[in-house]
Amino acid sequence: MTAAEMYLKDFTFNLKLKGDAAVIDSDGDIYTAYFVKPSQAPKEKTAQSSPTEKTRLQDNPQFVIYLIFFIMLIIISVYVLIIISRSKE
């Protein structure tokens, strides 16, 4: 097994990988580098990493079902209150 395979397959070695690129020599020494500084990362990457409201709802369909249930419950409650208040008149 080559040093590169060891770093890519083993999770403990994988944690040592940092930056945009890594060079692993025949002795197993690793050299990492950043070509784009972390503070200069494109805004598209940061926008994709933070979930938006739409993706959160798509990832959690059970939440959507509960939300629809409670909205329907509120609508039905308001309708029943209107019916009761009109019947008393």
N, C-alpha and C. Protein backbone atom coordinates (compact mmCIF):
# COMPACT_ATOMS: atom_id res chain seq x y z
N MET A 1 0.86 -1.17 0.00
CA MET A 1 0.00 0.00 0.00
C MET A 1 0.90 1.24 0.00
N THR A 2 0.60 2.17 -0.89
CA THR A 2 1.40 3.39 -0.96
C THR A 2 0.95 4.35 0.14
N ALA A 3 1.79 5.35 0.38
CA ALA A 3 1.48 6.32 1.44
C ALA A 3 0.21 7.10 1.10
N ALA A 4 0.00 7.42 -0.16
CA ALA A 4 -1.21 8.16 -0.56
C ALA A 4 -2.46 7.33 -0.29
N GLU A 5 -2.42 6.04 -0.59
CA GLU A 5 -3.57 5.18 -0.32
C GLU A 5 -3.85 5.10 1.18
N MET A 6 -2.78 5.05 1.97
CA MET A 6 -2.94 4.96 3.43
C MET A 6 -3.64 6.22 3.96
N TYR A 7 -3.21 7.40 3.48
CA TYR A 7 -3.81 8.65 3.95
C TYR A 7 -5.27 8.78 3.50
N LEU A 8 -5.58 8.29 2.33
CA LEU A 8 -6.94 8.44 1.82
C LEU A 8 -7.90 7.40 2.38
N LYS A 9 -7.42 6.21 2.72
CA LYS A 9 -8.30 5.16 3.20
C LYS A 9 -8.50 5.17 4.71
N ASP A 10 -7.48 5.53 5.47
CA ASP A 10 -7.57 5.49 6.92
C ASP A 10 -8.06 6.84 7.45
N PHE A 11 -9.12 6.80 8.25
CA PHE A 11 -9.74 8.04 8.74
C PHE A 11 -8.81 8.83 9.65
N THR A 12 -7.99 8.16 10.46
CA THR A 12 -7.09 8.89 11.37
C THR A 12 -6.05 9.67 10.58
N PHE A 13 -5.58 9.12 9.48
CA PHE A 13 -4.64 9.86 8.64
C PHE A 13 -5.36 10.94 7.84
N ASN A 14 -6.61 10.66 7.50
CA ASN A 14 -7.40 11.61 6.72
C ASN A 14 -7.61 12.91 7.48
N LEU A 15 -7.63 12.85 8.81
CA LEU A 15 -7.79 14.07 9.61
C LEU A 15 -6.58 14.99 9.49
N LYS A 16 -5.44 14.44 9.12
CA LYS A 16 -4.23 15.25 8.98
C LYS A 16 -4.22 16.05 7.68
N LEU A 17 -5.08 15.70 6.75
CA LEU A 17 -5.13 16.41 5.48
C LEU A 17 -5.80 17.75 5.66
N LYS A 18 -5.12 18.80 5.29
CA LYS A 18 -5.63 20.16 5.39
C LYS A 18 -5.35 20.88 4.09
N GLY A 19 -6.13 21.90 3.80
CA GLY A 19 -5.85 22.74 2.66
C GLY A 19 -6.47 22.24 1.38
N ASP A 20 -6.04 22.88 0.28
CA ASP A 20 -6.57 22.57 -1.04
C ASP A 20 -5.82 21.42 -1.71
N ALA A 21 -4.54 21.24 -1.35
CA ALA A 21 -3.73 20.20 -1.99
C ALA A 21 -2.83 19.55 -0.96
N ALA A 22 -2.48 18.30 -1.22
CA ALA A 22 -1.57 17.58 -0.33
C ALA A 22 -0.60 16.78 -1.18
N VAL A 23 0.66 16.78 -0.76
CA VAL A 23 1.69 15.98 -1.41
C VAL A 23 2.24 15.03 -0.37
N ILE A 24 2.24 13.74 -0.71
CA ILE A 24 2.74 12.72 0.20
C ILE A 24 3.94 12.07 -0.47
N ASP A 25 5.11 12.18 0.17
CA ASP A 25 6.31 11.60 -0.44
C ASP A 25 6.42 10.11 -0.12
N SER A 26 7.46 9.49 -0.63
CA SER A 26 7.62 8.05 -0.48
C SER A 26 7.87 7.63 0.97
N ASP A 27 8.32 8.54 1.81
CA ASP A 27 8.54 8.24 3.23
C ASP A 27 7.26 8.37 4.05
N GLY A 28 6.20 8.88 3.44
CA GLY A 28 4.94 9.05 4.14
C GLY A 28 4.77 10.42 4.76
N ASP A 29 5.72 11.32 4.50
CA ASP A 29 5.59 12.69 5.00
C ASP A 29 4.57 13.43 4.15
N ILE A 30 3.76 14.23 4.80
CA ILE A 30 2.69 14.94 4.10
C ILE A 30 2.95 16.43 4.15
N TYR A 31 2.73 17.08 3.01
CA TYR A 31 2.86 18.52 2.90
C TYR A 31 1.56 19.05 2.32
N THR A 32 0.92 19.95 3.01
CA THR A 32 -0.35 20.50 2.56
C THR A 32 -0.18 21.97 2.24
N ALA A 33 -1.07 22.50 1.40
CA ALA A 33 -1.00 23.90 1.01
C ALA A 33 -2.40 24.42 0.73
N TYR A 34 -2.55 25.71 0.96
CA TYR A 34 -3.78 26.42 0.60
C TYR A 34 -3.46 27.29 -0.60
N PHE A 35 -4.19 27.11 -1.69
CA PHE A 35 -4.03 27.98 -2.84
C PHE A 35 -5.01 29.14 -2.77
N VAL A 36 -6.12 28.93 -2.14
CA VAL A 36 -7.08 29.99 -1.86
C VAL A 36 -7.19 30.04 -0.35
N LYS A 37 -6.88 31.20 0.22
CA LYS A 37 -6.93 31.32 1.67
C LYS A 37 -8.36 31.10 2.14
N PRO A 38 -8.54 30.47 3.33
CA PRO A 38 -9.90 30.19 3.82
C PRO A 38 -10.77 31.43 3.93
N SER A 39 -10.20 32.58 4.24
CA SER A 39 -11.00 33.79 4.35
C SER A 39 -11.41 34.32 2.98
N GLN A 40 -10.71 33.86 1.93
CA GLN A 40 -11.03 34.31 0.58
C GLN A 40 -11.85 33.28 -0.18
N ALA A 41 -12.43 32.34 0.52
CA ALA A 41 -13.22 31.29 -0.12
C ALA A 41 -14.40 31.93 -0.85
N PRO A 42 -14.77 31.39 -1.99
CA PRO A 42 -15.91 31.96 -2.72
C PRO A 42 -17.18 31.92 -1.89
N LYS A 43 -18.03 32.92 -2.07
CA LYS A 43 -19.26 33.02 -1.29
C LYS A 43 -20.24 31.91 -1.65
N GLU A 44 -20.12 31.35 -2.85
CA GLU A 44 -21.01 30.27 -3.24
C GLU A 44 -20.82 29.06 -2.34
N LYS A 45 -19.58 28.76 -1.97
CA LYS A 45 -19.32 27.62 -1.11
C LYS A 45 -19.96 27.81 0.26
N THR A 46 -19.81 29.01 0.83
CA THR A 46 -20.37 29.25 2.15
C THR A 46 -21.89 29.24 2.11
N ALA A 47 -22.46 29.69 1.01
CA ALA A 47 -23.92 29.69 0.89
C ALA A 47 -24.44 28.26 0.79
N GLN A 48 -23.67 27.39 0.14
CA GLN A 48 -24.11 26.01 0.01
C GLN A 48 -23.93 25.25 1.31
N SER A 49 -22.96 25.63 2.12
CA SER A 49 -22.72 24.88 3.35
C SER A 49 -23.79 25.16 4.40
N SER A 50 -24.34 26.36 4.42
CA SER A 50 -25.40 26.64 5.38
C SER A 50 -26.74 26.32 4.74
N PRO A 51 -27.51 25.46 5.37
CA PRO A 51 -28.78 25.06 4.75
C PRO A 51 -29.78 26.19 4.75
N THR A 52 -30.46 26.32 3.66
CA THR A 52 -31.50 27.33 3.58
C THR A 52 -32.79 26.74 4.11
N GLU A 53 -33.79 27.56 4.25
CA GLU A 53 -35.08 27.10 4.76
C GLU A 53 -35.68 26.03 3.86
N LYS A 54 -35.53 26.22 2.56
CA LYS A 54 -36.11 25.27 1.61
C LYS A 54 -35.44 23.90 1.73
N THR A 55 -34.13 23.86 1.83
CA THR A 55 -33.44 22.57 1.93
C THR A 55 -33.72 21.91 3.27
N ARG A 56 -33.87 22.69 4.33
CA ARG A 56 -34.20 22.11 5.63
C ARG A 56 -35.57 21.44 5.58
N LEU A 57 -36.52 22.05 4.89
CA LEU A 57 -37.84 21.46 4.79
C LEU A 57 -37.82 20.22 3.90
N GLN A 58 -37.00 20.23 2.86
CA GLN A 58 -36.91 19.07 1.98
C GLN A 58 -36.21 17.90 2.68
N ASP A 59 -35.27 18.19 3.55
CA ASP A 59 -34.55 17.14 4.25
C ASP A 59 -35.35 16.54 5.39
N ASN A 60 -36.41 17.21 5.82
CA ASN A 60 -37.19 16.74 6.96
C ASN A 60 -38.67 16.69 6.59
N PRO A 61 -39.10 15.67 5.86
CA PRO A 61 -40.50 15.61 5.44
C PRO A 61 -41.46 15.42 6.60
N GLN A 62 -41.01 14.84 7.70
CA GLN A 62 -41.88 14.65 8.85
C GLN A 62 -42.27 16.00 9.45
N PHE A 63 -41.36 16.96 9.46
CA PHE A 63 -41.66 18.30 9.94
C PHE A 63 -42.73 18.94 9.08
N VAL A 64 -42.65 18.75 7.77
CA VAL A 64 -43.64 19.33 6.87
C VAL A 64 -45.03 18.75 7.16
N ILE A 65 -45.09 17.45 7.42
CA ILE A 65 -46.37 16.81 7.73
C ILE A 65 -46.95 17.39 9.02
N TYR A 66 -46.13 17.53 10.05
CA TYR A 66 -46.60 18.14 11.30
C TYR A 66 -47.04 19.58 11.10
N LEU A 67 -46.30 20.31 10.31
CA LEU A 67 -46.64 21.71 10.06
C LEU A 67 -48.00 21.82 9.36
N ILE A 68 -48.22 20.99 8.35
CA ILE A 68 -49.50 21.00 7.65
C ILE A 68 -50.63 20.60 8.60
N PHE A 69 -50.38 19.60 9.44
CA PHE A 69 -51.39 19.15 10.40
C PHE A 69 -51.80 20.29 11.34
N PHE A 70 -50.82 21.00 11.90
CA PHE A 70 -51.14 22.07 12.84
C PHE A 70 -51.79 23.26 12.15
N ILE A 71 -51.42 23.55 10.93
CA ILE A 71 -52.08 24.63 10.20
C ILE A 71 -53.54 24.27 9.93
N MET A 72 -53.78 23.02 9.54
CA MET A 72 -55.17 22.58 9.32
C MET A 72 -55.96 22.60 10.62
N LEU A 73 -55.33 22.21 11.71
CA LEU A 73 -55.99 22.24 13.01
C LEU A 73 -56.39 23.66 13.39
N ILE A 74 -55.53 24.61 13.14
CA ILE A 74 -55.84 26.02 13.44
C ILE A 74 -56.97 26.51 12.54
N ILE A 75 -56.94 26.16 11.27
CA ILE A 75 -57.99 26.60 10.35
C ILE A 75 -59.34 26.01 10.76
N ILE A 76 -59.36 24.73 11.10
CA ILE A 76 -60.60 24.09 11.54
C ILE A 76 -61.10 24.72 12.83
N SER A 77 -60.22 25.01 13.76
CA SER A 77 -60.60 25.64 15.03
C SER A 77 -61.23 27.01 14.79
N VAL A 78 -60.63 27.80 13.93
CA VAL A 78 -61.18 29.12 13.63
C VAL A 78 -62.55 28.97 12.95
N TYR A 79 -62.69 28.02 12.05
CA TYR A 79 -63.97 27.78 11.39
C TYR A 79 -65.05 27.38 12.39
N VAL A 80 -64.71 26.50 13.31
CA VAL A 80 -65.66 26.06 14.33
C VAL A 80 -66.04 27.24 15.23
N LEU A 81 -65.11 28.05 15.61
CA LEU A 81 -65.41 29.24 16.43
C LEU A 81 -66.35 30.19 15.69
N ILE A 82 -66.14 30.36 14.40
CA ILE A 82 -67.02 31.24 13.62
C ILE A 82 -68.44 30.64 13.57
N ILE A 83 -68.53 29.35 13.37
CA ILE A 83 -69.84 28.68 13.31
C ILE A 83 -70.56 28.82 14.66
N ILE A 84 -69.86 28.60 15.76
CA ILE A 84 -70.46 28.69 17.08
C ILE A 84 -70.90 30.11 17.38
N SER A 85 -70.06 31.09 17.04
CA SER A 85 -70.43 32.48 17.32
C SER A 85 -71.62 32.94 16.48
N ARG A 86 -71.77 32.46 15.27
CA ARG A 86 -72.92 32.83 14.43
C ARG A 86 -74.18 32.12 14.87
N SER A 87 -74.06 30.92 15.42
CA SER A 87 -75.25 30.20 15.85
C SER A 87 -75.86 30.82 17.11
N LYS A 88 -75.05 31.51 17.90
CA LYS A 88 -75.56 32.18 19.10
C LYS A 88 -76.31 33.44 18.78
N GLU A 89 -76.14 34.00 17.62
CA GLU A 89 -76.80 35.27 17.26
C GLU A 89 -78.21 35.08 16.92
